[in-house]
Structures are given as structure tokens and as C-alpha cells.
Protein backbone atom coordinates (compact mmCIF):
# COMPACT_ATOMS: atom_id res chain seq x y z
CA UNK A 1 196.41 165.84 151.68
CA UNK A 2 192.57 166.19 152.31
CA UNK A 3 189.15 164.50 150.02
CA UNK A 4 187.56 166.16 147.78
CA UNK A 5 184.61 164.83 146.62
CA UNK A 6 181.45 165.64 144.99
CA UNK A 7 182.49 168.97 144.28
CA UNK A 8 182.30 171.47 141.55
CA UNK A 9 183.55 175.05 140.60
CA UNK A 10 181.56 176.94 137.30
CA UNK A 11 184.00 180.57 138.04
CA UNK A 12 187.00 182.05 135.91
CA UNK A 13 190.03 181.94 137.99
CA UNK A 14 193.28 184.33 137.47
CA UNK A 15 196.76 183.74 139.24
CA UNK A 16 200.06 183.83 138.57
CA UNK A 17 201.46 180.45 139.52
CA UNK A 18 199.52 177.00 140.66
CA UNK A 19 196.08 177.74 139.11
CA UNK A 20 193.42 175.32 139.08
CA UNK A 21 189.42 175.58 138.53
CA UNK A 22 189.02 173.97 141.37
CA UNK A 23 192.16 173.35 143.54
CA UNK A 24 195.73 175.24 142.81
CA UNK A 25 197.77 172.67 144.25
CA UNK A 26 196.50 169.03 145.39
CA UNK A 27 197.88 166.22 147.01
CA UNK A 28 194.95 164.29 148.04
CA UNK A 29 192.46 162.42 146.39
CA UNK A 30 189.71 164.13 144.05
CA UNK A 31 186.67 161.70 143.26
CA UNK A 32 183.29 163.24 141.20
CA UNK A 33 184.33 166.96 140.80
CA UNK A 34 184.67 169.49 138.15
CA UNK A 35 185.11 172.99 136.82
CA UNK A 36 183.67 175.05 133.86
CA UNK A 37 185.34 178.40 134.61
CA UNK A 38 187.75 179.97 132.10
CA UNK A 39 191.50 180.25 134.07
CA UNK A 40 194.44 182.04 133.74
CA UNK A 41 198.13 182.29 135.03
CA UNK A 42 201.44 181.44 134.61
CA UNK A 43 203.01 178.33 135.27
CA UNK A 44 201.17 175.08 136.60
CA UNK A 45 197.67 175.92 135.31
CA UNK A 46 194.96 173.38 134.87
CA UNK A 47 191.24 173.77 133.90
CA UNK A 48 190.48 171.54 137.17
CA UNK A 49 194.09 171.34 139.39
CA UNK A 50 197.42 173.29 138.60
CA UNK A 51 199.72 170.98 140.44
CA UNK A 52 198.63 167.06 141.34
CA UNK A 53 199.93 164.49 143.35
CA UNK A 54 196.60 162.68 144.05
CA UNK A 55 194.42 160.49 142.67
CA UNK A 56 192.02 161.92 140.35
CA UNK A 57 188.84 159.74 139.54
CA UNK A 58 185.51 161.05 137.50
CA UNK A 59 186.51 164.36 136.68
CA UNK A 60 186.30 166.75 134.11
CA UNK A 61 187.17 170.38 133.06
CA UNK A 62 185.61 172.21 130.00
CA UNK A 63 186.55 175.99 130.51
CA UNK A 64 189.49 177.46 128.44
CA UNK A 65 192.99 177.84 130.03
CA UNK A 66 195.74 180.01 129.22
CA UNK A 67 199.40 179.73 130.73
CA UNK A 68 202.99 179.74 130.07
CA UNK A 69 204.60 176.51 131.38
CA UNK A 70 202.64 173.22 132.23
CA UNK A 71 199.49 173.91 131.28
CA UNK A 72 196.81 171.38 130.56
CA UNK A 73 192.84 171.49 129.87
CA UNK A 74 192.68 169.69 133.21
CA UNK A 75 196.07 169.31 135.36
CA UNK A 76 198.83 171.50 134.24
CA UNK A 77 201.35 168.91 136.05
CA UNK A 78 200.45 165.35 137.23
CA UNK A 79 202.97 164.19 138.98
CA UNK A 80 201.55 161.08 141.62
CA UNK A 81 199.03 158.70 141.51
CA UNK A 82 196.35 157.89 138.37
CA UNK A 83 194.35 160.11 136.66
CA UNK A 84 191.39 157.98 136.07
CA UNK A 85 188.01 158.49 133.66
CA UNK A 86 188.33 161.89 133.20
CA UNK A 87 187.95 164.61 130.24
CA UNK A 88 188.73 168.02 129.10
CA UNK A 89 187.39 169.86 126.06
CA UNK A 90 188.36 173.22 126.86
CA UNK A 91 190.94 175.38 124.67
CA UNK A 92 194.28 175.33 125.75
CA UNK A 93 196.88 177.79 125.10
CA UNK A 94 200.98 178.10 126.55
CA UNK A 95 204.29 178.03 125.88
CA UNK A 96 206.31 174.64 127.00
CA UNK A 97 204.69 171.64 128.08
CA UNK A 98 201.07 172.29 126.95
CA UNK A 99 198.47 169.37 126.73
CA UNK A 100 194.56 169.09 125.99
CA UNK A 101 194.36 166.91 129.21
CA UNK A 102 197.73 167.59 131.18
CA UNK A 103 200.47 169.63 130.36
CA UNK A 104 203.05 167.06 131.92
CA UNK A 105 202.49 163.68 132.78
CA UNK A 106 205.27 161.62 134.78
CA UNK A 107 202.27 159.50 136.32
CA UNK A 108 199.03 157.17 134.92
CA UNK A 109 196.85 158.74 133.10
CA UNK A 110 193.66 155.63 132.46
CA UNK A 111 190.32 155.69 130.47
CA UNK A 112 190.85 159.82 129.50
CA UNK A 113 190.15 162.57 126.67
CA UNK A 114 190.58 165.68 125.28
CA UNK A 115 188.49 167.33 122.67
CA UNK A 116 189.91 170.85 123.15
CA UNK A 117 191.89 173.09 120.21
CA UNK A 118 195.75 173.37 121.82
CA UNK A 119 198.34 175.99 120.84
CA UNK A 120 201.96 176.02 122.37
CA UNK A 121 205.51 176.32 121.36
CA UNK A 122 207.16 173.52 122.50
CA UNK A 123 206.32 170.05 124.23
CA UNK A 124 202.74 170.23 122.82
CA UNK A 125 200.16 167.53 122.15
CA UNK A 126 196.38 167.05 121.84
CA UNK A 127 196.29 164.95 125.07
CA UNK A 128 200.07 165.30 127.03
CA UNK A 129 202.16 168.05 125.99
CA UNK A 130 205.64 166.19 127.59
CA UNK A 131 205.11 162.71 129.11
CA UNK A 132 207.38 159.95 131.19
CA UNK A 133 204.42 157.90 132.62
CA UNK A 134 201.85 155.66 131.41
CA UNK A 135 198.86 156.37 129.07
CA UNK A 136 196.53 153.81 128.34
CA UNK A 137 193.02 153.90 126.44
CA UNK A 138 192.56 157.56 126.17
CA UNK A 139 192.82 159.60 122.81
CA UNK A 140 192.56 163.34 121.93
CA UNK A 141 190.57 165.01 118.96
CA UNK A 142 191.39 168.89 119.02
CA UNK A 143 193.79 170.98 116.77
CA UNK A 144 197.18 170.77 117.90
CA UNK A 145 199.40 173.76 116.80
CA UNK A 146 202.86 174.22 117.99
CA UNK A 147 206.24 174.92 116.87
CA UNK A 148 208.68 171.90 118.39
CA UNK A 149 207.82 168.25 119.61
CA UNK A 150 204.14 168.60 118.64
CA UNK A 151 202.26 165.62 118.34
CA UNK A 152 198.37 164.65 117.74
CA UNK A 153 198.29 162.53 121.09
CA UNK A 154 201.42 163.55 122.84
CA UNK A 155 204.15 166.04 121.98
CA UNK A 156 207.50 164.77 123.65
CA UNK A 157 208.07 161.85 125.76
CA UNK A 158 210.74 162.52 128.37
CA UNK A 159 213.31 159.99 129.94
CA UNK A 160 214.94 162.68 132.70
CA UNK A 161 215.56 161.76 136.32
CA UNK A 162 211.93 161.63 137.09
CA UNK A 163 210.85 158.83 134.37
CA UNK A 164 208.96 155.91 135.49
CA UNK A 165 208.46 153.63 132.40
CA UNK A 166 207.05 155.04 130.25
CA UNK A 167 204.22 153.72 128.00
CA UNK A 168 201.23 154.34 126.05
CA UNK A 169 198.92 152.01 124.98
CA UNK A 170 195.60 151.58 123.44
CA UNK A 171 195.56 155.16 122.72
CA UNK A 172 194.60 156.91 119.77
CA UNK A 173 194.50 160.19 117.96
CA UNK A 174 192.50 162.00 115.30
CA UNK A 175 194.79 162.68 112.44
CA UNK A 176 192.52 165.00 110.57
CA UNK A 177 190.84 166.84 113.42
CA UNK A 178 194.22 167.53 115.03
CA UNK A 179 195.96 168.49 111.75
CA UNK A 180 198.95 165.88 113.02
CA UNK A 181 200.35 162.81 111.31
CA UNK A 182 202.69 162.01 114.29
CA UNK A 183 202.69 161.84 117.78
CA UNK A 184 205.25 160.68 120.55
CA UNK A 185 203.06 157.34 120.94
CA UNK A 186 199.93 156.31 120.07
CA UNK A 187 198.13 155.35 116.95
CA UNK A 188 196.41 157.70 114.39
CA UNK A 189 192.96 157.04 112.89
CA UNK A 190 190.54 158.63 110.63
CA UNK A 191 187.70 160.57 112.33
CA UNK A 192 185.77 158.06 110.64
CA UNK A 193 187.65 155.47 111.99
CA UNK A 194 187.77 156.95 115.10
CA UNK A 195 183.88 156.22 115.39
CA UNK A 196 183.67 152.85 114.54
CA UNK A 197 183.50 150.36 117.86
CA UNK A 198 185.50 148.12 116.15
CA UNK A 199 188.18 149.78 116.02
CA UNK A 200 188.13 149.72 119.94
CA UNK A 201 187.43 146.73 121.04
CA UNK A 202 189.28 144.41 118.19
CA UNK A 203 192.12 143.96 115.73
CA UNK A 204 191.87 145.91 112.95
CA UNK A 205 194.06 146.73 109.93
CA UNK A 206 193.09 150.59 111.19
CA UNK A 207 194.62 150.00 114.70
CA UNK A 208 197.36 147.67 113.84
CA UNK A 209 196.02 144.37 113.92
CA UNK A 210 195.85 144.68 118.10
CA UNK A 211 192.75 144.50 119.95
CA UNK A 212 193.04 147.51 122.52
CA UNK A 213 190.71 145.85 124.46
CA UNK A 214 188.47 148.60 125.55
CA UNK A 215 185.43 148.40 127.91
CA UNK A 216 183.24 149.84 125.16
CA UNK A 217 179.60 149.09 123.91
CA UNK A 218 177.97 151.04 120.94
CA UNK A 219 174.34 149.90 122.93
CA UNK A 220 172.56 152.42 125.15
CA UNK A 221 171.57 151.30 128.69
CA UNK A 222 175.24 149.22 129.01
CA UNK A 223 177.76 149.33 132.37
CA UNK A 224 180.72 149.57 129.84
CA UNK A 225 183.34 152.59 130.88
CA UNK A 226 182.93 153.73 127.22
CA UNK A 227 180.02 154.51 125.43
CA UNK A 228 180.24 154.90 121.34
CA UNK A 229 177.30 156.00 119.03
CA UNK A 230 178.38 153.95 115.86
CA UNK A 231 179.61 156.19 112.86
CA UNK A 232 177.95 159.24 114.75
CA UNK A 233 180.42 159.48 117.85
CA UNK A 234 183.61 159.31 119.49
CA UNK A 235 184.05 157.53 122.54
CA UNK A 236 182.67 158.81 125.25
CA UNK A 237 182.79 158.04 129.26
CA UNK A 238 179.27 156.75 130.49
CA UNK A 239 180.20 157.48 134.36
CA UNK A 240 179.07 160.88 133.17
CA UNK A 241 176.21 160.35 131.11
CA UNK A 242 172.38 159.80 131.93
CA UNK A 243 170.26 156.99 130.83
CA UNK A 244 167.43 158.45 128.45
CA UNK A 245 165.21 155.89 126.46
CA UNK A 246 163.56 157.00 123.35
CA UNK A 247 160.52 154.55 122.84
CA UNK A 248 158.99 155.23 119.10
CA UNK A 249 154.72 155.04 119.35
CA UNK A 250 153.15 152.23 117.55
CA UNK A 251 150.83 152.87 114.47
CA UNK A 252 148.14 151.45 112.47
CA UNK A 253 146.78 152.07 108.83
CA UNK A 254 144.43 150.25 106.50
CA UNK A 255 145.60 149.00 103.19
CA UNK A 256 145.69 152.00 100.61
CA UNK A 257 148.88 151.47 98.82
CA UNK A 258 150.15 154.53 99.95
CA UNK A 259 153.60 154.25 100.93
CA UNK A 260 154.13 154.90 104.91
CA UNK A 261 157.11 157.59 105.80
CA UNK A 262 157.71 159.42 109.24
CA UNK A 263 156.29 158.02 112.50
CA UNK A 264 153.75 158.76 115.37
CA UNK A 265 155.89 160.28 117.95
CA UNK A 266 158.04 158.91 120.77
CA UNK A 267 158.06 158.87 124.63
CA UNK A 268 160.81 159.80 126.22
CA UNK A 269 161.78 158.38 129.51
CA UNK A 270 162.82 161.75 131.06
CA UNK A 271 163.59 165.21 130.88
CA UNK A 272 166.43 166.14 128.64
CA UNK A 273 168.12 168.64 126.93
CA UNK A 274 168.23 167.03 122.85
CA UNK A 275 167.01 169.71 121.01
CA UNK A 276 167.09 167.77 117.39
CA UNK A 277 164.89 166.68 115.14
CA UNK A 278 163.16 163.10 115.77
CA UNK A 279 163.78 160.88 112.99
CA UNK A 280 162.18 157.78 111.67
CA UNK A 281 164.01 154.51 109.84
CA UNK A 282 162.95 150.65 109.99
CA UNK A 283 161.39 148.37 107.56
CA UNK A 284 157.91 150.72 108.09
CA UNK A 285 159.51 152.88 105.90
CA UNK A 286 158.11 152.62 102.33
CA UNK A 287 155.60 149.47 103.41
CA UNK A 288 152.65 149.12 101.60
CA UNK A 289 151.46 145.42 101.70
CA UNK A 290 149.20 144.10 104.84
CA UNK A 291 151.81 143.13 107.92
CA UNK A 292 153.94 144.36 110.89
CA UNK A 293 156.79 146.64 110.47
CA UNK A 294 159.46 148.45 112.73
CA UNK A 295 159.54 151.82 113.50
CA UNK A 296 163.02 152.60 114.81
CA UNK A 297 163.16 156.07 116.13
CA UNK A 298 166.80 158.14 116.05
CA UNK A 299 167.07 161.86 117.01
CA UNK A 300 170.04 164.55 115.48
CA UNK A 301 172.70 164.56 118.68
CA UNK A 302 175.78 166.97 118.72
CA UNK A 303 179.06 165.74 120.15
CA UNK A 304 177.95 167.49 123.54
CA UNK A 305 174.72 165.30 123.77
CA UNK A 306 176.89 161.86 123.11
CA UNK A 307 178.75 162.86 126.02
CA UNK A 308 175.91 163.92 128.16
CA UNK A 309 173.63 161.19 127.57
CA UNK A 310 173.44 157.52 127.18
CA UNK A 311 170.27 157.02 124.56
CA UNK A 312 168.45 153.51 123.86
CA UNK A 313 166.08 153.53 120.82
CA UNK A 314 163.19 151.18 121.49
CA UNK A 315 161.69 150.59 118.09
CA UNK A 316 157.67 150.67 117.68
CA UNK A 317 155.55 148.74 115.30
CA UNK A 318 153.11 149.69 112.24
CA UNK A 319 150.62 147.56 111.36
CA UNK A 320 149.07 147.18 108.06
CA UNK A 321 145.77 145.78 108.02
CA UNK A 322 144.34 144.36 104.91
CA UNK A 323 140.83 145.22 102.91
CA UNK A 324 138.07 143.89 103.77
CA UNK A 325 136.29 141.91 101.33
CA UNK A 326 133.34 143.77 99.03
CA UNK A 327 129.58 142.57 99.17
CA UNK A 328 128.83 140.13 96.00
CA UNK A 329 132.95 139.05 95.84
CA UNK A 330 134.23 136.10 97.45
CA UNK A 331 137.69 135.93 98.58
CA UNK A 332 139.36 132.34 99.40
CA UNK A 333 140.71 131.73 102.61
CA UNK A 334 144.10 132.98 103.48
CA UNK A 335 144.24 135.59 100.39
CA UNK A 336 142.12 138.28 101.80
CA UNK A 337 144.35 140.98 100.22
CA UNK A 338 142.99 144.40 99.19
CA UNK A 339 142.34 144.30 95.01
CA UNK A 340 144.74 146.41 92.93
CA UNK A 341 143.55 149.59 90.63
CA UNK A 342 143.06 148.78 87.55
CA UNK A 343 145.57 151.09 86.37
CA UNK A 344 148.24 148.83 88.19
CA UNK A 345 147.11 145.44 86.56
CA UNK A 346 149.06 144.54 83.48
CA UNK A 347 146.87 143.30 80.28
CA UNK A 348 147.28 139.97 79.14
CA UNK A 349 146.90 139.45 75.59
CA UNK A 350 145.18 135.86 76.31
CA UNK A 351 142.33 137.48 78.40
CA UNK A 352 139.07 135.78 77.76
CA UNK A 353 135.88 137.62 75.57
CA UNK A 354 132.43 137.34 77.32
CA UNK A 355 130.58 134.44 75.96
CA UNK A 356 127.71 135.95 74.00
CA UNK A 357 124.65 133.32 75.30
CA UNK A 358 122.08 135.28 76.91
CA UNK A 359 121.03 135.66 79.85
CA UNK A 360 124.49 134.39 81.35
CA UNK A 361 127.93 135.74 81.90
CA UNK A 362 131.33 133.84 81.93
CA UNK A 363 132.71 132.39 85.49
CA UNK A 364 136.21 133.75 86.20
CA UNK A 365 139.18 133.48 88.80
CA UNK A 366 141.11 136.37 89.08
CA UNK A 367 144.22 136.14 89.73
CA UNK A 368 145.73 139.44 90.21
CA UNK A 369 148.83 140.23 92.04
CA UNK A 370 147.56 141.66 94.95
CA UNK A 371 144.32 139.17 95.73
CA UNK A 372 142.76 136.40 94.02
CA UNK A 373 139.08 136.56 93.74
CA UNK A 374 135.80 134.65 92.33
CA UNK A 375 133.13 136.39 90.43
CA UNK A 376 131.00 136.92 87.32
CA UNK A 377 131.88 138.37 83.94
CA UNK A 378 128.79 140.42 83.09
CA UNK A 379 127.19 139.66 79.34
CA UNK A 380 128.86 141.45 76.67
CA UNK A 381 131.75 142.94 78.83
CA UNK A 382 135.13 142.13 78.77
CA UNK A 383 136.65 139.78 81.26
CA UNK A 384 138.94 141.37 83.84
CA UNK A 385 142.58 139.64 83.21
CA UNK A 386 143.46 136.91 84.42
CA UNK A 387 146.42 133.99 84.95
């Protein structure tokens, strides 16, 4: 009945019944806790807690879990209070009542997800094996395999003596990665749909035209419960992320007619373990003309990276300066542009021929695409093209 907070365990655990990565049997609050070791037992086996009757908040488990009945990636049997802001990523293997997050749930699960592979026989679900409680704002993506009562999110809903007004609201499963087209509750989405912000905070055809109302954002550095990298990641819980900012360095060059590509490096706000390649986009890519353009940085990330880091990307600026007028040329005000190379200047059928008057040339005004220039056409030479 005591309180556990700011706690973790990393070792593997092996037992018979009521086995957990952090606690076997719990009836008190658990806050800010995690376990990463592999767990093996018989009945009531969980990655964090085997048998739970207390509130769990801000917790996760990543180790594999193996047992017989009541087996879950986070909790084997959750029978009292609420699990809030929690996830599990480990592989879960059992027989009956097997779930990626909870094997058997008779209470409340809110803001949670599971991504590990789930294998069992009866009542097998990507998030919960057997449910007679409430599930809200949750999802599952791991492969789910079983024989009877198998579902992408929930395997079976049980309405026996412990029924507490079962409800599954605003929750989803990936029909492609779970390998399941049905579930005892929730809405099935494709992998691509699971990575679209609108499907979680507005009514769309994909989610059944019902706004799930998730507290979620696609922008880094926010204070929402969930964070999603649009088109790239599943939703992840912001409370487990560390903030990180990538700021692109500014760059500059003088007009040379060569299209710009790449960037000038980035500044990272804190040390991190991201190993992906820095990439650059924005209006700077392919820019040739004088002006100011955005250098937009990004970095290749894994699902684990998305889970751990709340990344904000800030643009740098590319400045392309015009070429200054050469000696002997007069450029009109406001038109200081570099001349187009002769090879790119289109010929015109009506180009004037030079006057053959002795000792003089023909004044001309060149209106080629990149500049306006006043000059003198030398005697006995053809004038440059004009318009």
C-alpha cells in the first residue's frame, strides 16, 4: 500500500506467479517509474507490475514478458484505479488474457499505447487481452497472433461479475502492423492514417467522422499530452520526451548561376543520441537568383528517437547577393542583377546591325532576362540581343 515514485529496475526477473519488472503485487500509487528487464513467470506477469490495484502514472516497460495467464507488457492484471500516461514496447507471450499493455483490465486506462508483438491463445489483444473496464485515448501497433478472441486493440470484452461500465473511446489500432482487421472495441486505421494528426484531433472519414479530441500537437516544444511527427511517427507521450532544437546555420553566396543545395550545418541545443543524417529542405534548395531563402533542417529518426525526443527544427537563411556592376557598365537603379551568360541569351531575329559610320558605335539598351545594361555597340560588330 506504499507509494513508489521516481523508481526504475533494469534486471531480468524470473518467478512463478505475480511477477513484475518493478513490483510483483501492488496496491499503492506508482509515479514516474520504469522497468527494462525481461520478465518470466506463470500467472499474473507484467513488465512493470504483475498484479496491480493502485494508480500508475507516467510509467513504461520495455522488456519482453513471458507467462501463462494474465500476461501484459506493463501489467498482468489491472483491477483497481487508473493507468495514465503509460506505454510498453516489449514482446509479450502467454496463453490466456495476453495484452501488449495489460493482460486483463477491469478499471481505467487513459493515454497509453503498446508497440510490442503479442502472442497467445485466448483473449489476445495488441493493447489489452480481456477488457471489462474503460479505455480512452490509447492505441496499439504490434503484431497480434492468437486462436480465439483475438483483436488489434482488445481481444475480448468480458461482462462478468466484475463488469464496471465497459467503454472503449477514442482508441485505435494499426490494422496493417497488428495483422488484425477486427477488435473488441476501438477504430482500425492504416499505418499511414496512424501518422496523420487530423485523425486524432478532428473528425475525419478515417476515424468514423468523430473527433477523438486528443491533446496532441505536431509542433515541437509544446505542452500537449501527445506529440506526433506528421507523416513520420505514431503519437508518442510528451512526458517521456526531452526537448531538443536543431537550428540551421545561415549561409551566403554571390550570384553565380549555380543552384544552391544542402546547408551550412546545424546547432543542436543539447547533447543527444540521434544518429540520423541531417537533411535540408526549404526554398533555398535549387535557388539561383539573388534574394533570401529558407534553409529548413530535418534529421532521420527511428520510432525510438521519436519516443525519446521532442524535436523542434528552426530555419536558417540563405542570402544570395547580386554581382556588382563591372567597370564601364551602367546598371539602372533597382536592377542590379548579374548578366546572363551569352549561351543562355536567346537570339532575336530583329537584332540591330552596327552602324558602319566611321569612328562611332550604336548605343543600345540590353533588356536580357537577368539585367538591364546601357552600353555602346563597337563598330563593325553585331550588337548584343535586345528587346
